[in-house]
C-alpha atoms as a PDB file:
ATOM      1  CA  MET A   1     100.356  59.577  96.488  1.00  0.00           C
ATOM      2  CA  PRO A   2     100.420  62.690  94.256  1.00  0.00           C
ATOM      3  CA  ASN A   3     103.435  64.918  94.689  1.00  0.00           C
ATOM      4  CA  LEU A   4     105.167  67.967  93.246  1.00  0.00           C
ATOM      5  CA  LYS A   5     108.218  66.256  91.783  1.00  0.00           C
ATOM      6  CA  GLY A   6     109.489  68.192  88.779  1.00  0.00           C
ATOM      7  CA  LYS A   7     106.951  70.998  89.228  1.00  0.00           C
ATOM      8  CA  THR A   8     108.114  74.614  89.289  1.00  0.00           C
ATOM      9  CA  LEU A   9     106.858  76.965  91.997  1.00  0.00           C
ATOM     10  CA  PHE A  10     107.160  80.741  92.045  1.00  0.00           C
ATOM     11  CA  ILE A  11     106.771  81.918  95.657  1.00  0.00           C
ATOM     12  CA  SER A  12     106.567  85.590  96.598  1.00  0.00           C
ATOM     13  CA  GLY A  13     108.195  86.566  99.873  1.00  0.00           C
ATOM     14  CA  GLY A  14     109.427  83.065 100.590  1.00  0.00           C
ATOM     15  CA  SER A  15     112.677  83.787 102.407  1.00  0.00           C
ATOM     16  CA  ARG A  16     111.226  82.838 105.800  1.00  0.00           C
ATOM     17  CA  GLY A  17     108.099  81.782 107.669  1.00  0.00           C
ATOM     18  CA  ILE A  18     105.147  80.180 105.911  1.00  0.00           C
ATOM     19  CA  GLY A  19     106.486  80.834 102.415  1.00  0.00           C
ATOM     20  CA  LEU A  20     109.746  79.066 103.178  1.00  0.00           C
ATOM     21  CA  ALA A  21     107.895  76.173 104.826  1.00  0.00           C
ATOM     22  CA  ILE A  22     105.806  75.706 101.676  1.00  0.00           C
ATOM     23  CA  ALA A  23     108.986  75.828  99.585  1.00  0.00           C
ATOM     24  CA  LEU A  24     110.704  73.191 101.712  1.00  0.00           C
ATOM     25  CA  ARG A  25     107.695  70.867 101.590  1.00  0.00           C
ATOM     26  CA  ALA A  26     107.706  71.085  97.800  1.00  0.00           C
ATOM     27  CA  ALA A  27     111.477  70.627  97.722  1.00  0.00           C
ATOM     28  CA  ARG A  28     111.157  67.324  99.565  1.00  0.00           C
ATOM     29  CA  ASP A  29     109.165  66.091  96.569  1.00  0.00           C
ATOM     30  CA  GLY A  30     111.928  67.229  94.212  1.00  0.00           C
ATOM     31  CA  ALA A  31     110.297  70.446  93.018  1.00  0.00           C
ATOM     32  CA  ASN A  32     111.951  73.523  91.527  1.00  0.00           C
ATOM     33  CA  VAL A  33     111.373  76.635  93.611  1.00  0.00           C
ATOM     34  CA  ALA A  34     111.945  80.294  92.794  1.00  0.00           C
ATOM     35  CA  ILE A  35     112.051  82.528  95.865  1.00  0.00           C
ATOM     36  CA  ALA A  36     111.122  86.090  94.884  1.00  0.00           C
ATOM     37  CA  ALA A  37     111.669  88.344  97.886  1.00  0.00           C
ATOM     38  CA  LYS A  38     113.428  91.527  98.937  1.00  0.00           C
ATOM     39  CA  THR A  39     115.671  90.184 101.702  1.00  0.00           C
ATOM     40  CA  THR A  40     119.215  89.800 100.441  1.00  0.00           C
ATOM     41  CA  GLU A  41     121.062  90.812 103.624  1.00  0.00           C
ATOM     42  CA  PRO A  42     120.627  89.272 107.097  1.00  0.00           C
ATOM     43  CA  ASN A  43     118.385  91.150 109.519  1.00  0.00           C
ATOM     44  CA  PRO A  44     118.774  90.428 113.250  1.00  0.00           C
ATOM     45  CA  LYS A  45     115.025  90.882 113.792  1.00  0.00           C
ATOM     46  CA  LEU A  46     113.911  88.875 110.759  1.00  0.00           C
ATOM     47  CA  PRO A  47     116.325  86.006 110.072  1.00  0.00           C
ATOM     48  CA  GLY A  48     116.561  84.509 106.609  1.00  0.00           C
ATOM     49  CA  THR A  49     117.437  85.778 103.137  1.00  0.00           C
ATOM     50  CA  ILE A  50     116.643  84.561  99.634  1.00  0.00           C
ATOM     51  CA  TYR A  51     120.058  82.890  99.623  1.00  0.00           C
ATOM     52  CA  THR A  52     119.686  81.024 102.932  1.00  0.00           C
ATOM     53  CA  ALA A  53     116.223  79.934 101.755  1.00  0.00           C
ATOM     54  CA  ALA A  54     117.723  78.622  98.512  1.00  0.00           C
ATOM     55  CA  ASP A  55     120.342  76.669 100.467  1.00  0.00           C
ATOM     56  CA  GLU A  56     117.628  75.051 102.581  1.00  0.00           C
ATOM     57  CA  ILE A  57     115.575  74.187  99.512  1.00  0.00           C
ATOM     58  CA  ARG A  58     118.539  72.460  97.877  1.00  0.00           C
ATOM     59  CA  LYS A  59     119.336  70.541 101.077  1.00  0.00           C
ATOM     60  CA  ALA A  60     115.704  69.391 101.204  1.00  0.00           C
ATOM     61  CA  GLY A  61     116.017  67.874  97.731  1.00  0.00           C
ATOM     62  CA  GLY A  62     114.763  70.599  95.407  1.00  0.00           C
ATOM     63  CA  GLN A  63     116.242  72.993  92.895  1.00  0.00           C
ATOM     64  CA  ALA A  64     116.273  76.652  93.904  1.00  0.00           C
ATOM     65  CA  LEU A  65     116.446  80.032  92.229  1.00  0.00           C
ATOM     66  CA  PRO A  66     116.810  83.005  94.609  1.00  0.00           C
ATOM     67  CA  ILE A  67     115.601  86.262  93.025  1.00  0.00           C
ATOM     68  CA  ALA A  68     115.848  89.681  94.645  1.00  0.00           C
ATOM     69  CA  CYS A  69     112.450  91.171  93.847  1.00  0.00           C
ATOM     70  CA  ASP A  70     110.106  93.819  95.218  1.00  0.00           C
ATOM     71  CA  ILE A  71     106.698  92.608  94.054  1.00  0.00           C
ATOM     72  CA  ARG A  72     105.434  96.206  93.947  1.00  0.00           C
ATOM     73  CA  ASP A  73     107.773  96.775  90.977  1.00  0.00           C
ATOM     74  CA  GLU A  74     106.184  95.559  87.741  1.00  0.00           C
ATOM     75  CA  ALA A  75     109.445  95.377  85.807  1.00  0.00           C
ATOM     76  CA  ALA A  76     111.111  93.426  88.617  1.00  0.00           C
ATOM     77  CA  VAL A  77     108.249  90.913  88.799  1.00  0.00           C
ATOM     78  CA  LEU A  78     108.208  90.388  85.040  1.00  0.00           C
ATOM     79  CA  ALA A  79     111.974  89.844  85.067  1.00  0.00           C
ATOM     80  CA  ALA A  80     111.704  87.408  88.001  1.00  0.00           C
ATOM     81  CA  VAL A  81     108.951  85.405  86.316  1.00  0.00           C
ATOM     82  CA  ASN A  82     110.882  85.256  83.036  1.00  0.00           C
ATOM     83  CA  ALA A  83     114.064  84.209  84.839  1.00  0.00           C
ATOM     84  CA  THR A  84     112.155  81.409  86.581  1.00  0.00           C
ATOM     85  CA  ALA A  85     110.536  80.179  83.374  1.00  0.00           C
ATOM     86  CA  ASN A  86     113.883  80.260  81.572  1.00  0.00           C
ATOM     87  CA  GLU A  87     115.674  78.427  84.382  1.00  0.00           C
ATOM     88  CA  PHE A  88     113.109  75.665  84.808  1.00  0.00           C
ATOM     89  CA  ALA A  89     111.342  75.614  81.420  1.00  0.00           C
ATOM     90  CA  GLY A  90     108.068  77.003  82.703  1.00  0.00           C
ATOM     91  CA  ILE A  91     106.022  77.710  85.832  1.00  0.00           C
ATOM     92  CA  ASP A  92     103.360  75.374  87.220  1.00  0.00           C
ATOM     93  CA  ILE A  93     102.464  76.941  90.561  1.00  0.00           C
ATOM     94  CA  LEU A  94     102.279  80.471  91.908  1.00  0.00           C
ATOM     95  CA  VAL A  95     102.123  80.967  95.671  1.00  0.00           C
ATOM     96  CA  ASN A  96     101.061  84.503  96.589  1.00  0.00           C
ATOM     97  CA  ASN A  97     102.615  84.491 100.033  1.00  0.00           C
ATOM     98  CA  ALA A  98     104.089  87.997 100.396  1.00  0.00           C
ATOM     99  CA  SER A  99     102.050  90.214 102.687  1.00  0.00           C
ATOM    100  CA  ALA A 100     102.406  93.281 104.889  1.00  0.00           C
ATOM    101  CA  ILE A 101     100.527  93.775 108.156  1.00  0.00           C
ATOM    102  CA  SER A 102      99.655  96.592 110.524  1.00  0.00           C
ATOM    103  CA  LEU A 103      96.947  95.871 113.081  1.00  0.00           C
ATOM    104  CA  THR A 104      96.288  99.554 113.708  1.00  0.00           C
ATOM    105  CA  GLY A 105      93.250 101.790 113.613  1.00  0.00           C
ATOM    106  CA  THR A 106      92.599 104.524 111.090  1.00  0.00           C
ATOM    107  CA  ALA A 107      94.267 107.385 112.972  1.00  0.00           C
ATOM    108  CA  ALA A 108      97.279 105.251 113.888  1.00  0.00           C
ATOM    109  CA  THR A 109      98.029 103.935 110.388  1.00  0.00           C
ATOM    110  CA  PRO A 110     100.370 106.232 108.421  1.00  0.00           C
ATOM    111  CA  MET A 111      99.622 106.465 104.724  1.00  0.00           C
ATOM    112  CA  LYS A 112     103.077 105.082 104.016  1.00  0.00           C
ATOM    113  CA  ARG A 113     101.976 101.881 105.775  1.00  0.00           C
ATOM    114  CA  VAL A 114      98.636 101.873 103.978  1.00  0.00           C
ATOM    115  CA  ASP A 115     100.437 102.138 100.645  1.00  0.00           C
ATOM    116  CA  LEU A 116     102.791  99.318 101.664  1.00  0.00           C
ATOM    117  CA  MET A 117      99.922  96.960 102.535  1.00  0.00           C
ATOM    118  CA  PHE A 118      97.963  97.766  99.404  1.00  0.00           C
ATOM    119  CA  GLY A 119     101.091  97.631  97.248  1.00  0.00           C
ATOM    120  CA  ILE A 120     102.217  94.224  98.476  1.00  0.00           C
ATOM    121  CA  ASN A 121      98.980  92.505  99.399  1.00  0.00           C
ATOM    122  CA  VAL A 122      96.578  93.586  96.656  1.00  0.00           C
ATOM    123  CA  ARG A 123      98.714  94.942  93.831  1.00  0.00           C
ATOM    124  CA  GLY A 124     101.468  92.372  94.377  1.00  0.00           C
ATOM    125  CA  THR A 125      99.027  89.461  94.297  1.00  0.00           C
ATOM    126  CA  PHE A 126      97.368  90.771  91.124  1.00  0.00           C
ATOM    127  CA  LEU A 127     100.701  91.529  89.464  1.00  0.00           C
ATOM    128  CA  CYS A 128     102.310  88.162  90.219  1.00  0.00           C
ATOM    129  CA  SER A 129      99.174  86.360  89.028  1.00  0.00           C
ATOM    130  CA  GLN A 130      99.087  88.400  85.819  1.00  0.00           C
ATOM    131  CA  ALA A 131     102.814  87.895  85.181  1.00  0.00           C
ATOM    132  CA  CYS A 132     102.623  84.103  85.643  1.00  0.00           C
ATOM    133  CA  LEU A 133      99.411  83.628  83.684  1.00  0.00           C
ATOM    134  CA  ALA A 134     100.902  82.816  80.290  1.00  0.00           C
ATOM    135  CA  HIS A 135     103.177  80.195  81.835  1.00  0.00           C
ATOM    136  CA  LEU A 136     100.331  78.686  83.862  1.00  0.00           C
ATOM    137  CA  ARG A 137      98.247  78.399  80.696  1.00  0.00           C
ATOM    138  CA  LYS A 138     101.114  76.528  79.033  1.00  0.00           C
ATOM    139  CA  SER A 139     101.311  74.278  82.087  1.00  0.00           C
ATOM    140  CA  ALA A 140      97.591  73.558  81.786  1.00  0.00           C
ATOM    141  CA  ALA A 141      97.921  72.760  78.079  1.00  0.00           C
ATOM    142  CA  ALA A 142     100.699  70.324  78.939  1.00  0.00           C
ATOM    143  CA  GLY A 143      98.572  68.631  81.605  1.00  0.00           C
ATOM    144  CA  ARG A 144     100.815  69.701  84.481  1.00  0.00           C
ATOM    145  CA  ASN A 145      98.023  70.684  86.913  1.00  0.00           C
ATOM    146  CA  PRO A 146      98.712  74.416  87.414  1.00  0.00           C
ATOM    147  CA  HIS A 147      97.663  76.229  90.572  1.00  0.00           C
ATOM    148  CA  ILE A 148      97.605  79.705  92.059  1.00  0.00           C
ATOM    149  CA  LEU A 149      97.484  79.577  95.860  1.00  0.00           C
ATOM    150  CA  THR A 150      97.025  82.837  97.752  1.00  0.00           C
ATOM    151  CA  LEU A 151      97.477  83.107 101.503  1.00  0.00           C
ATOM    152  CA  SER A 152      94.386  85.105 102.349  1.00  0.00           C
ATOM    153  CA  PRO A 153      91.211  84.633 104.412  1.00  0.00           C
ATOM    154  CA  PRO A 154      87.619  83.831 103.537  1.00  0.00           C
ATOM    155  CA  LEU A 155      85.633  86.995 102.860  1.00  0.00           C
ATOM    156  CA  ASN A 156      83.759  87.832 106.058  1.00  0.00           C
ATOM    157  CA  LEU A 157      82.022  91.219 106.044  1.00  0.00           C
ATOM    158  CA  ASP A 158      81.172  91.276 109.744  1.00  0.00           C
ATOM    159  CA  PRO A 159      82.161  94.827 110.847  1.00  0.00           C
ATOM    160  CA  LYS A 160      84.125  93.438 113.792  1.00  0.00           C
ATOM    161  CA  TRP A 161      86.873  92.350 111.389  1.00  0.00           C
ATOM    162  CA  PHE A 162      87.210  95.928 110.107  1.00  0.00           C
ATOM    163  CA  LYS A 163      86.799  97.882 113.339  1.00  0.00           C
ATOM    164  CA  GLU A 164      90.325  97.556 114.739  1.00  0.00           C
ATOM    165  CA  HIS A 165      92.359  97.572 111.501  1.00  0.00           C
ATOM    166  CA  VAL A 166      90.392  98.827 108.517  1.00  0.00           C
ATOM    167  CA  ALA A 167      93.392  99.207 106.187  1.00  0.00           C
ATOM    168  CA  TYR A 168      94.839  95.762 106.869  1.00  0.00           C
ATOM    169  CA  THR A 169      91.466  94.052 106.491  1.00  0.00           C
ATOM    170  CA  ILE A 170      90.782  95.744 103.156  1.00  0.00           C
ATOM    171  CA  ALA A 171      94.290  94.899 101.920  1.00  0.00           C
ATOM    172  CA  LYS A 172      93.928  91.255 102.951  1.00  0.00           C
ATOM    173  CA  TYR A 173      90.437  90.975 101.506  1.00  0.00           C
ATOM    174  CA  GLY A 174      91.801  92.453  98.282  1.00  0.00           C
ATOM    175  CA  MET A 175      93.926  89.329  97.964  1.00  0.00           C
ATOM    176  CA  SER A 176      90.843  87.187  98.600  1.00  0.00           C
ATOM    177  CA  MET A 177      88.877  89.060  95.954  1.00  0.00           C
ATOM    178  CA  CYS A 178      91.627  88.252  93.459  1.00  0.00           C
ATOM    179  CA  VAL A 179      91.031  84.594  94.288  1.00  0.00           C
ATOM    180  CA  LEU A 180      87.267  84.943  93.915  1.00  0.00           C
ATOM    181  CA  GLY A 181      87.494  86.629  90.522  1.00  0.00           C
ATOM    182  CA  MET A 182      90.454  84.811  89.001  1.00  0.00           C
ATOM    183  CA  ALA A 183      89.104  81.380  89.931  1.00  0.00           C
ATOM    184  CA  GLU A 184      86.120  82.026  87.737  1.00  0.00           C
ATOM    185  CA  GLU A 185      88.112  83.827  85.055  1.00  0.00           C
ATOM    186  CA  PHE A 186      90.642  81.004  84.648  1.00  0.00           C
ATOM    187  CA  ARG A 187      88.279  78.065  85.270  1.00  0.00           C
ATOM    188  CA  GLY A 188      88.053  77.333  81.560  1.00  0.00           C
ATOM    189  CA  ASP A 189      91.843  77.347  81.284  1.00  0.00           C
ATOM    190  CA  GLY A 190      92.202  74.539  83.809  1.00  0.00           C
ATOM    191  CA  ILE A 191      94.142  76.751  86.243  1.00  0.00           C
ATOM    192  CA  ALA A 192      93.127  76.303  89.872  1.00  0.00           C
ATOM    193  CA  VAL A 193      92.927  79.471  91.981  1.00  0.00           C
ATOM    194  CA  ASN A 194      92.426  78.965  95.709  1.00  0.00           C
ATOM    195  CA  ALA A 195      93.076  80.655  99.033  1.00  0.00           C
ATOM    196  CA  LEU A 196      94.558  79.153 102.180  1.00  0.00           C
ATOM    197  CA  TRP A 197      94.288  80.564 105.707  1.00  0.00           C
ATOM    198  CA  PRO A 198      95.261  79.189 109.135  1.00  0.00           C
ATOM    199  CA  ARG A 199      92.681  78.344 111.771  1.00  0.00           C
ATOM    200  CA  THR A 200      95.147  79.451 114.447  1.00  0.00           C
ATOM    201  CA  VAL A 201      97.921  82.020 114.594  1.00  0.00           C
ATOM    202  CA  ILE A 202     101.179  80.739 113.105  1.00  0.00           C
ATOM    203  CA  ALA A 203     104.452  81.339 114.930  1.00  0.00           C
ATOM    204  CA  THR A 204     106.697  83.259 112.542  1.00  0.00           C
ATOM    205  CA  ALA A 205     109.368  85.893 113.029  1.00  0.00           C
ATOM    206  CA  ALA A 206     107.061  88.481 111.465  1.00  0.00           C
ATOM    207  CA  ILE A 207     104.212  87.702 113.877  1.00  0.00           C
ATOM    208  CA  ALA A 208     106.616  87.899 116.819  1.00  0.00           C
ATOM    209  CA  MET A 209     107.289  91.544 115.916  1.00  0.00           C
ATOM    210  CA  ILE A 210     103.642  92.520 116.506  1.00  0.00           C
ATOM    211  CA  PRO A 211     103.347  94.094 119.977  1.00  0.00           C
ATOM    212  CA  GLY A 212     102.235  91.489 122.486  1.00  0.00           C
ATOM    213  CA  ALA A 213     102.416  88.545 120.114  1.00  0.00           C
ATOM    214  CA  GLY A 214     105.891  87.455 121.164  1.00  0.00           C
ATOM    215  CA  THR A 215     104.624  86.392 124.572  1.00  0.00           C
ATOM    216  CA  GLN A 216     101.881  84.210 123.041  1.00  0.00           C
ATOM    217  CA  THR A 217     104.076  81.882 120.986  1.00  0.00           C
ATOM    218  CA  ASP A 218     103.197  78.795 123.052  1.00  0.00           C
ATOM    219  CA  ARG A 219      99.589  79.198 121.897  1.00  0.00           C
ATOM    220  CA  MET A 220     100.489  79.105 118.200  1.00  0.00           C
ATOM    221  CA  ARG A 221     101.224  76.462 115.600  1.00  0.00           C
ATOM    222  CA  ARG A 222     104.356  76.101 113.495  1.00  0.00           C
ATOM    223  CA  PRO A 223     104.457  77.080 109.791  1.00  0.00           C
ATOM    224  CA  GLU A 224     104.668  73.423 108.795  1.00  0.00           C
ATOM    225  CA  ILE A 225     100.899  73.049 109.192  1.00  0.00           C
ATOM    226  CA  MET A 226     100.383  75.582 106.422  1.00  0.00           C
ATOM    227  CA  ALA A 227     103.057  73.897 104.309  1.00  0.00           C
ATOM    228  CA  ASP A 228     101.379  70.504 104.569  1.00  0.00           C
ATOM    229  CA  ALA A 229      97.958  72.046 103.911  1.00  0.00           C
ATOM    230  CA  ALA A 230      99.315  73.879 100.860  1.00  0.00           C
ATOM    231  CA  HIS A 231     100.819  70.640  99.580  1.00  0.00           C
ATOM    232  CA  ALA A 232      97.461  68.919  99.993  1.00  0.00           C
ATOM    233  CA  VAL A 233      95.770  71.630  97.913  1.00  0.00           C
ATOM    234  CA  LEU A 234      98.473  71.909  95.250  1.00  0.00           C
ATOM    235  CA  THR A 235      98.408  68.175  94.527  1.00  0.00           C
ATOM    236  CA  ARG A 236      94.628  68.139  93.932  1.00  0.00           C
ATOM    237  CA  ASP A 237      93.146  68.225  90.432  1.00  0.00           C
ATOM    238  CA  ALA A 238      93.228  71.841  89.232  1.00  0.00           C
ATOM    239  CA  ARG A 239      90.185  71.299  87.040  1.00  0.00           C
ATOM    240  CA  THR A 240      87.950  70.391  89.946  1.00  0.00           C
ATOM    241  CA  THR A 241      89.607  72.253  92.831  1.00  0.00           C
ATOM    242  CA  THR A 242      89.217  75.964  92.266  1.00  0.00           C
ATOM    243  CA  GLY A 243      87.508  78.940  93.892  1.00  0.00           C
ATOM    244  CA  ASN A 244      87.934  77.554  97.406  1.00  0.00           C
ATOM    245  CA  PHE A 245      88.870  79.391 100.577  1.00  0.00           C
ATOM    246  CA  PHE A 246      90.613  76.575 102.390  1.00  0.00           C
ATOM    247  CA  ILE A 247      91.348  76.548 106.119  1.00  0.00           C
ATOM    248  CA  ASP A 248      94.518  74.623 106.951  1.00  0.00           C
ATOM    249  CA  GLU A 249      92.809  72.154 109.313  1.00  0.00           C
ATOM    250  CA  ASP A 250      90.083  71.357 106.794  1.00  0.00           C
ATOM    251  CA  ALA A 251      92.495  70.903 103.895  1.00  0.00           C
ATOM    252  CA  LEU A 252      94.520  68.449 105.973  1.00  0.00           C
ATOM    253  CA  ALA A 253      91.428  66.590 107.173  1.00  0.00           C
ATOM    254  CA  ALA A 254      90.350  66.105 103.542  1.00  0.00           C
ATOM    255  CA  ALA A 255      93.776  64.565 102.948  1.00  0.00           C
ATOM    256  CA  GLY A 256      93.340  62.218 105.918  1.00  0.00           C
ATOM    257  CA  ILE A 257      95.473  64.157 108.419  1.00  0.00           C
ATOM    258  CA  THR A 258      93.580  64.810 111.647  1.00  0.00           C
ATOM    259  CA  ASP A 259      96.258  64.579 114.361  1.00  0.00           C
ATOM    260  CA  LEU A 260      97.490  68.178 114.544  1.00  0.00           C
ATOM    261  CA  ASP A 261      99.378  68.043 117.849  1.00  0.00           C
ATOM    262  CA  ARG A 262     102.707  67.776 116.038  1.00  0.00           C
ATOM    263  CA  TYR A 263     102.204  71.271 114.626  1.00  0.00           C
ATOM    264  CA  ALA A 264     101.716  72.960 117.993  1.00  0.00           C
ATOM    265  CA  VAL A 265     104.584  75.013 119.389  1.00  0.00           C
ATOM    266  CA  LYS A 266     103.555  73.679 122.811  1.00  0.00           C
ATOM    267  CA  PRO A 267     101.221  70.685 122.513  1.00  0.00           C
ATOM    268  CA  GLY A 268      98.303  70.873 124.898  1.00  0.00           C
ATOM    269  CA  SER A 269      98.265  74.651 125.177  1.00  0.00           C
ATOM    270  CA  PRO A 270      95.050  76.465 124.178  1.00  0.00           C
ATOM    271  CA  LEU A 271      95.444  77.840 120.670  1.00  0.00           C
ATOM    272  CA  LEU A 272      94.971  81.420 119.480  1.00  0.00           C
ATOM    273  CA  PRO A 273      92.379  81.627 116.684  1.00  0.00           C
ATOM    274  CA  ASP A 274      93.472  83.666 113.687  1.00  0.00           C
ATOM    275  CA  LEU A 275      91.693  86.748 112.358  1.00  0.00           C
ATOM    276  CA  PHE A 276      88.606  86.677 110.135  1.00  0.00           C
ATOM    277  CA  LEU A 277      87.331  83.279 111.295  1.00  0.00           C
ATOM    278  CA  GLU A 278      84.237  82.707 113.441  1.00  0.00           C
END
């Protein structure tokens, strides 16, 4: 079976949740993982730091490089990417995981929050992709199957997905538009650019902080479903797997995994569908 042994991943915002789950799945193959995130001190509401993530990655069998980095800061991202490439002799995979959320209407969304979502989701995704590009091209030239995987939804312009949270939807779709454009731009380079989105809501500490979500955890799936789906995508041929908006269930089914009960927080409970999917 294809795996990620010896590959180097640069993951934005991977100190917890889905990003950390993807890192640990890669680590079990023996991958090198750079965690570029802001959290350096423990937070009682959001457990996990870049250093605890690095410890978990090493225990899982991978090599880890924790990097304190705000992906809105161009100089910080360039330094983080260079540090990763220097530490592990290149970069093969970029996972654009970092994201900010506010499920609020226009009047209830302060501009500070709008700027945060656009700065992290859209600008951060573009910046990390741009910063890693030279290294991904080298990876392609060396036949190392480079990928960019962005955690964003399929583009669905039904107004119902904008009505309740215009700013968040635009910010999230900005990430998806990066996928759409860069997949075509880098197709000739042999760099795969794909998106991955969950069919159901994923139980993370960040989701639990959304009002009302904490009481719905039993109807969610664990981050490991996204990690296994990401692994299935990242081990596919970059030359023939690009420009896709994968849903976790479908990516796993294509890899022969159809029993999803093990991912449920409470098997048998009805599941909450995620945003942007019909």
